[in-house]
Amino acid sequence: MTHFTPDLLAGKHALITGGGSGINLGVARAFAAHGCAVTLLGRTLERTVGAAQDITAAGGRALGVSADVRDPEALTAATQQAVDAFGPIDIVLCGAAGNFPAPFEGISTNGFKSVMDIDLLGTFNTIKAATPHLRGPGSSVLSISAYGMPVPLQAHVCAAKAGVDRLTEVLALEWGMRGVRVNAIIPGPIDDTEGMRRLAPTDAARKSVIRSVPLGRFGIKDDIANAALFLSSDAASFITGVILPVDGGSRLLGPGVLVNAIMESQKQG
């Protein structure tokens, strides 16, 4: 029988990209609360250091480092800093992302490439930099994906995250015999995030989006943090290659309802 304790990740070390804010910082706080040392990696050193200090003040162990996930050399150096501070890496959370709502004809080549470079190539670069430092059997790679279905004004993001999903599944196959698990989470509409502020900028727009959620509410950052905590813990030791929606059931209604909600919210915004 498995016994669950408040220290699901005791003695582990997690490297978290995009860790200075938003959903990823929420995950970092949950990990730290369960005994995990966390290295927060982001482009802005002041932000990651400040977030790490807050976690440390609350009794956790945290380090803030700076690197752009589009820069393999900077990632390699930042990962080494993490290992020097807390030892081998048990959990890699790929959370860095770029996004802006735009119709296809409003996305420039540079804009499309930027999102692909951050979301997809950045995920590849992060995993590549962390691979030599993974502790071995029992370690876990987790990516924050998006949507899992076509969404208007998000051609760049949908293309990039579809790549992240396939990369997740391929690595789950390749690394299964090593005892390394690889999964991803698809957040639904999560309140108090930059994405929802852009996609649903008014109260009327927010109501439109909520109507696309069977559970009848926005998600909160803790919903994603709890899913990440589970997938990264020994409680999920037989789970790999999963792309887990945490969306209040939105996917069950199909893309049409979400499409209508987003298009309506953009008109209202």
Protein backbone atom coordinates (compact mmCIF):
# COMPACT_ATOMS: atom_id res chain seq x y z
CA MET A 1 0.00 0.00 0.00
CA THR A 2 1.23 3.49 -0.85
CA HIS A 3 1.35 5.89 2.08
CA PHE A 4 0.97 9.58 1.22
CA THR A 5 2.65 12.26 3.32
CA PRO A 6 2.93 16.06 3.15
CA ASP A 7 6.45 15.50 1.79
CA LEU A 8 5.75 13.83 -1.55
CA LEU A 9 8.94 15.25 -3.06
CA ALA A 10 11.22 15.24 -0.02
CA GLY A 11 14.90 15.23 -0.96
CA LYS A 12 14.25 15.88 -4.66
CA HIS A 13 15.45 18.74 -6.87
CA ALA A 14 13.35 20.35 -9.61
CA LEU A 15 14.51 22.62 -12.44
CA ILE A 16 11.61 24.86 -13.51
CA THR A 17 11.76 27.10 -16.58
CA GLY A 18 9.51 30.14 -16.62
CA GLY A 19 9.63 29.72 -12.87
CA GLY A 20 9.58 33.36 -11.87
CA SER A 21 5.85 33.93 -12.32
CA GLY A 22 2.43 32.58 -13.19
CA ILE A 23 1.53 28.91 -13.30
CA ASN A 24 5.13 27.78 -13.08
CA LEU A 25 5.80 29.73 -9.90
CA GLY A 26 2.66 28.18 -8.43
CA VAL A 27 4.08 24.75 -9.22
CA ALA A 28 7.43 25.72 -7.69
CA ARG A 29 5.74 26.77 -4.46
CA ALA A 30 3.82 23.49 -4.26
CA PHE A 31 6.96 21.49 -4.92
CA ALA A 32 8.87 23.41 -2.24
CA ALA A 33 6.03 22.92 0.23
CA HIS A 34 6.46 19.16 -0.27
CA GLY A 35 10.17 19.12 0.46
CA CYS A 36 11.61 19.66 -3.02
CA ALA A 37 14.51 22.02 -3.70
CA VAL A 38 13.56 24.18 -6.68
CA THR A 39 15.70 26.04 -9.18
CA LEU A 40 13.70 28.77 -10.89
CA LEU A 41 14.98 29.66 -14.33
CA GLY A 42 13.83 32.66 -16.36
CA ARG A 43 15.09 35.48 -18.54
CA THR A 44 14.84 38.12 -15.80
CA LEU A 45 17.24 37.39 -12.95
CA GLU A 46 15.60 39.86 -10.56
CA ARG A 47 12.28 38.06 -10.96
CA THR A 48 13.60 34.54 -10.42
CA VAL A 49 15.78 35.61 -7.50
CA GLY A 50 12.86 37.45 -5.90
CA ALA A 51 10.59 34.43 -6.31
CA ALA A 52 13.26 32.15 -4.89
CA GLN A 53 13.70 34.44 -1.89
CA ASP A 54 9.96 34.32 -1.21
CA ILE A 55 10.02 30.52 -1.26
CA THR A 56 13.05 30.45 1.02
CA ALA A 57 11.36 32.86 3.44
CA ALA A 58 8.43 30.47 3.61
CA GLY A 59 10.75 27.65 4.66
CA GLY A 60 11.61 26.11 1.31
CA ARG A 61 14.87 25.70 -0.59
CA ALA A 62 15.09 27.68 -3.81
CA LEU A 63 17.56 29.23 -6.23
CA GLY A 64 16.86 31.83 -8.92
CA VAL A 65 18.97 31.76 -12.08
CA SER A 66 18.80 33.51 -15.44
CA ALA A 67 18.84 32.05 -18.96
CA ASP A 68 16.85 32.24 -22.18
CA VAL A 69 15.53 28.82 -23.19
CA ARG A 70 16.37 29.73 -26.79
CA ASP A 71 20.08 29.84 -25.86
CA PRO A 72 21.50 26.32 -25.33
CA GLU A 73 24.81 27.56 -23.91
CA ALA A 74 23.11 29.80 -21.36
CA LEU A 75 20.80 26.92 -20.39
CA THR A 76 23.75 24.59 -19.91
CA ALA A 77 25.46 27.12 -17.63
CA ALA A 78 22.27 27.78 -15.63
CA THR A 79 21.63 24.06 -15.23
CA GLN A 80 25.14 23.62 -13.88
CA GLN A 81 24.40 26.36 -11.32
CA ALA A 82 21.34 24.40 -10.25
CA VAL A 83 23.30 21.17 -9.88
CA ASP A 84 26.06 22.92 -7.96
CA ALA A 85 23.47 24.24 -5.52
CA PHE A 86 21.18 21.25 -5.02
CA GLY A 87 22.73 18.23 -6.72
CA PRO A 88 21.35 16.03 -9.51
CA ILE A 89 17.97 16.87 -11.02
CA ASP A 90 14.95 14.69 -10.25
CA ILE A 91 12.27 16.77 -11.97
CA VAL A 92 12.42 18.95 -15.08
CA LEU A 93 9.42 21.23 -15.59
CA CYS A 94 9.38 22.93 -19.00
CA GLY A 95 7.12 25.91 -18.48
CA ALA A 96 8.64 28.80 -20.44
CA ALA A 97 6.21 30.02 -23.10
CA GLY A 98 5.51 32.86 -25.50
CA ASN A 99 2.07 33.88 -26.70
CA PHE A 100 0.02 36.69 -28.18
CA PRO A 101 -3.50 36.43 -29.64
CA ALA A 102 -3.53 37.15 -33.38
CA PRO A 103 -5.29 35.92 -36.52
CA PHE A 104 -3.08 33.96 -38.89
CA GLU A 105 -2.61 36.90 -41.25
CA GLY A 106 -1.60 39.04 -38.29
CA ILE A 107 1.27 36.75 -37.28
CA SER A 108 4.59 37.71 -38.87
CA THR A 109 7.24 35.16 -39.72
CA ASN A 110 9.33 36.48 -36.84
CA GLY A 111 6.35 36.31 -34.48
CA PHE A 112 5.59 32.70 -35.44
CA LYS A 113 9.25 31.75 -35.15
CA SER A 114 9.57 33.43 -31.76
CA VAL A 115 6.74 31.35 -30.27
CA MET A 116 8.09 28.16 -31.87
CA ASP A 117 11.57 28.93 -30.54
CA ILE A 118 10.38 29.56 -26.97
CA ASP A 119 7.67 26.91 -26.67
CA LEU A 120 8.98 24.00 -28.73
CA LEU A 121 12.71 24.53 -29.25
CA GLY A 122 12.95 25.91 -25.69
CA THR A 123 11.42 22.70 -24.35
CA PHE A 124 13.90 20.64 -26.37
CA ASN A 125 16.81 22.80 -25.20
CA THR A 126 15.75 22.55 -21.55
CA ILE A 127 15.48 18.78 -21.60
CA LYS A 128 18.75 18.51 -23.52
CA ALA A 129 20.60 20.65 -20.94
CA ALA A 130 19.12 18.73 -18.01
CA THR A 131 19.62 15.21 -19.40
CA PRO A 132 23.25 14.73 -18.25
CA HIS A 133 22.21 15.72 -14.73
CA LEU A 134 19.10 13.56 -14.29
CA ARG A 135 19.45 11.40 -11.22
CA GLY A 136 18.39 8.30 -13.13
CA PRO A 137 15.50 5.87 -12.59
CA GLY A 138 12.66 7.68 -10.87
CA SER A 139 13.30 11.09 -12.40
CA SER A 140 10.53 12.89 -14.26
CA VAL A 141 10.14 15.36 -17.12
CA LEU A 142 6.96 17.44 -17.26
CA SER A 143 5.94 20.07 -19.82
CA ILE A 144 3.19 22.67 -19.68
CA SER A 145 1.35 22.33 -22.99
CA ALA A 146 -1.78 24.13 -24.24
CA TYR A 147 -5.24 23.51 -25.66
CA GLY A 148 -4.87 20.06 -27.26
CA MET A 149 -7.29 21.22 -29.96
CA PRO A 150 -7.41 23.96 -32.61
CA VAL A 151 -8.05 27.42 -31.18
CA PRO A 152 -8.51 30.63 -33.18
CA LEU A 153 -5.93 33.40 -32.83
CA GLN A 154 -3.43 30.81 -31.60
CA ALA A 155 -1.98 29.21 -34.75
CA HIS A 156 1.58 29.71 -33.51
CA VAL A 157 0.90 28.34 -30.03
CA CYS A 158 -1.15 25.36 -31.26
CA ALA A 159 1.61 24.42 -33.71
CA ALA A 160 4.34 24.73 -31.08
CA LYS A 161 2.49 22.89 -28.33
CA ALA A 162 1.46 20.06 -30.67
CA GLY A 163 5.20 19.56 -31.13
CA VAL A 164 5.68 19.55 -27.35
CA ASP A 165 2.98 16.87 -27.02
CA ARG A 166 4.61 14.61 -29.62
CA LEU A 167 8.06 15.18 -28.09
CA THR A 168 6.60 14.13 -24.74
CA GLU A 169 5.29 10.87 -26.17
CA VAL A 170 8.47 10.05 -28.08
CA LEU A 171 10.63 10.61 -25.01
CA ALA A 172 8.26 8.51 -22.89
CA LEU A 173 8.91 5.64 -25.32
CA GLU A 174 12.66 6.19 -25.56
CA TRP A 175 13.31 6.74 -21.86
CA GLY A 176 10.88 4.25 -20.35
CA MET A 177 13.55 1.57 -19.97
CA ARG A 178 15.70 4.10 -18.10
CA GLY A 179 12.95 4.55 -15.56
CA VAL A 180 12.47 8.20 -16.55
CA ARG A 181 8.84 9.29 -16.88
CA VAL A 182 7.79 12.01 -19.35
CA ASN A 183 4.37 13.69 -19.21
CA ALA A 184 2.63 16.98 -20.00
CA ILE A 185 -0.26 19.05 -18.66
CA ILE A 186 -2.76 20.99 -20.75
CA PRO A 187 -4.18 23.80 -18.60
CA GLY A 188 -7.70 24.98 -19.34
CA PRO A 189 -8.82 28.55 -18.62
CA ILE A 190 -6.74 29.46 -15.55
CA ASP A 191 -7.61 32.67 -13.73
CA ASP A 192 -5.09 35.37 -12.90
CA THR A 193 -2.71 34.46 -15.72
CA GLU A 194 -1.40 36.57 -18.56
CA GLY A 195 -3.01 34.26 -21.10
CA MET A 196 -6.51 34.71 -19.73
CA ARG A 197 -6.04 38.45 -19.34
CA ARG A 198 -5.31 38.60 -23.06
CA LEU A 199 -7.94 36.14 -24.26
CA ALA A 200 -10.71 37.36 -21.93
CA PRO A 201 -9.98 41.02 -21.12
CA THR A 202 -13.46 42.07 -19.87
CA ASP A 203 -16.06 40.75 -17.42
CA ALA A 204 -18.37 39.89 -20.32
CA ALA A 205 -15.55 38.05 -22.04
CA ARG A 206 -14.77 36.10 -18.87
CA LYS A 207 -18.41 35.00 -18.64
CA SER A 208 -18.23 33.78 -22.24
CA VAL A 209 -15.20 31.65 -21.46
CA ILE A 210 -16.71 30.25 -18.26
CA ARG A 211 -19.70 29.03 -20.30
CA SER A 212 -17.26 26.79 -22.17
CA VAL A 213 -16.27 24.99 -18.94
CA PRO A 214 -18.60 22.20 -17.72
CA LEU A 215 -17.48 22.72 -14.12
CA GLY A 216 -18.65 26.33 -14.47
CA ARG A 217 -15.58 28.16 -13.21
CA PHE A 218 -12.09 29.22 -14.12
CA GLY A 219 -9.29 27.04 -12.90
CA ILE A 220 -6.76 28.42 -10.44
CA LYS A 221 -3.00 28.02 -10.37
CA ASP A 222 -3.26 25.48 -7.55
CA ASP A 223 -5.21 23.18 -9.89
CA ILE A 224 -2.19 22.97 -12.18
CA ALA A 225 0.24 22.80 -9.27
CA ASN A 226 -1.62 19.85 -7.76
CA ALA A 227 -1.60 17.98 -11.08
CA ALA A 228 2.13 18.66 -11.49
CA LEU A 229 2.78 17.53 -7.92
CA PHE A 230 0.99 14.25 -8.58
CA LEU A 231 2.66 13.54 -11.94
CA SER A 232 6.11 14.32 -10.53
CA SER A 233 5.73 12.20 -7.42
CA ASP A 234 6.07 8.49 -6.74
CA ALA A 235 2.27 8.37 -6.61
CA ALA A 236 2.42 8.46 -10.43
CA SER A 237 5.29 5.98 -10.76
CA PHE A 238 3.46 3.96 -13.45
CA ILE A 239 2.30 6.95 -15.50
CA THR A 240 4.27 8.12 -18.53
CA GLY A 241 3.46 9.49 -21.97
CA VAL A 242 0.31 11.19 -20.66
CA ILE A 243 -0.92 14.56 -21.93
CA LEU A 244 -3.22 15.45 -19.03
CA PRO A 245 -5.95 18.06 -19.52
CA VAL A 246 -6.67 20.08 -16.38
CA ASP A 247 -9.51 22.07 -17.90
CA GLY A 248 -12.74 21.58 -15.98
CA GLY A 249 -14.03 19.32 -18.77
CA SER A 250 -13.74 21.88 -21.58
CA ARG A 251 -12.37 19.34 -24.03
CA LEU A 252 -15.56 17.26 -23.70
CA LEU A 253 -17.55 19.97 -25.45
CA GLY A 254 -15.20 19.95 -28.44
CA PRO A 255 -13.37 22.91 -29.95
CA GLY A 256 -16.52 24.63 -31.21
CA VAL A 257 -17.68 25.89 -27.83
CA LEU A 258 -14.24 27.21 -26.88
CA VAL A 259 -13.80 28.75 -30.33
CA ASN A 260 -17.09 30.63 -29.99
CA ALA A 261 -16.21 31.78 -26.49
CA ILE A 262 -12.81 33.11 -27.54
CA MET A 263 -14.11 34.85 -30.66
CA GLU A 264 -16.93 36.42 -28.65
CA SER A 265 -14.56 37.49 -25.89
CA GLN A 266 -12.23 39.15 -28.40
CA LYS A 267 -15.10 41.13 -29.87
CA GLN A 268 -16.14 42.24 -26.40
CA GLY A 269 -12.56 43.12 -25.48
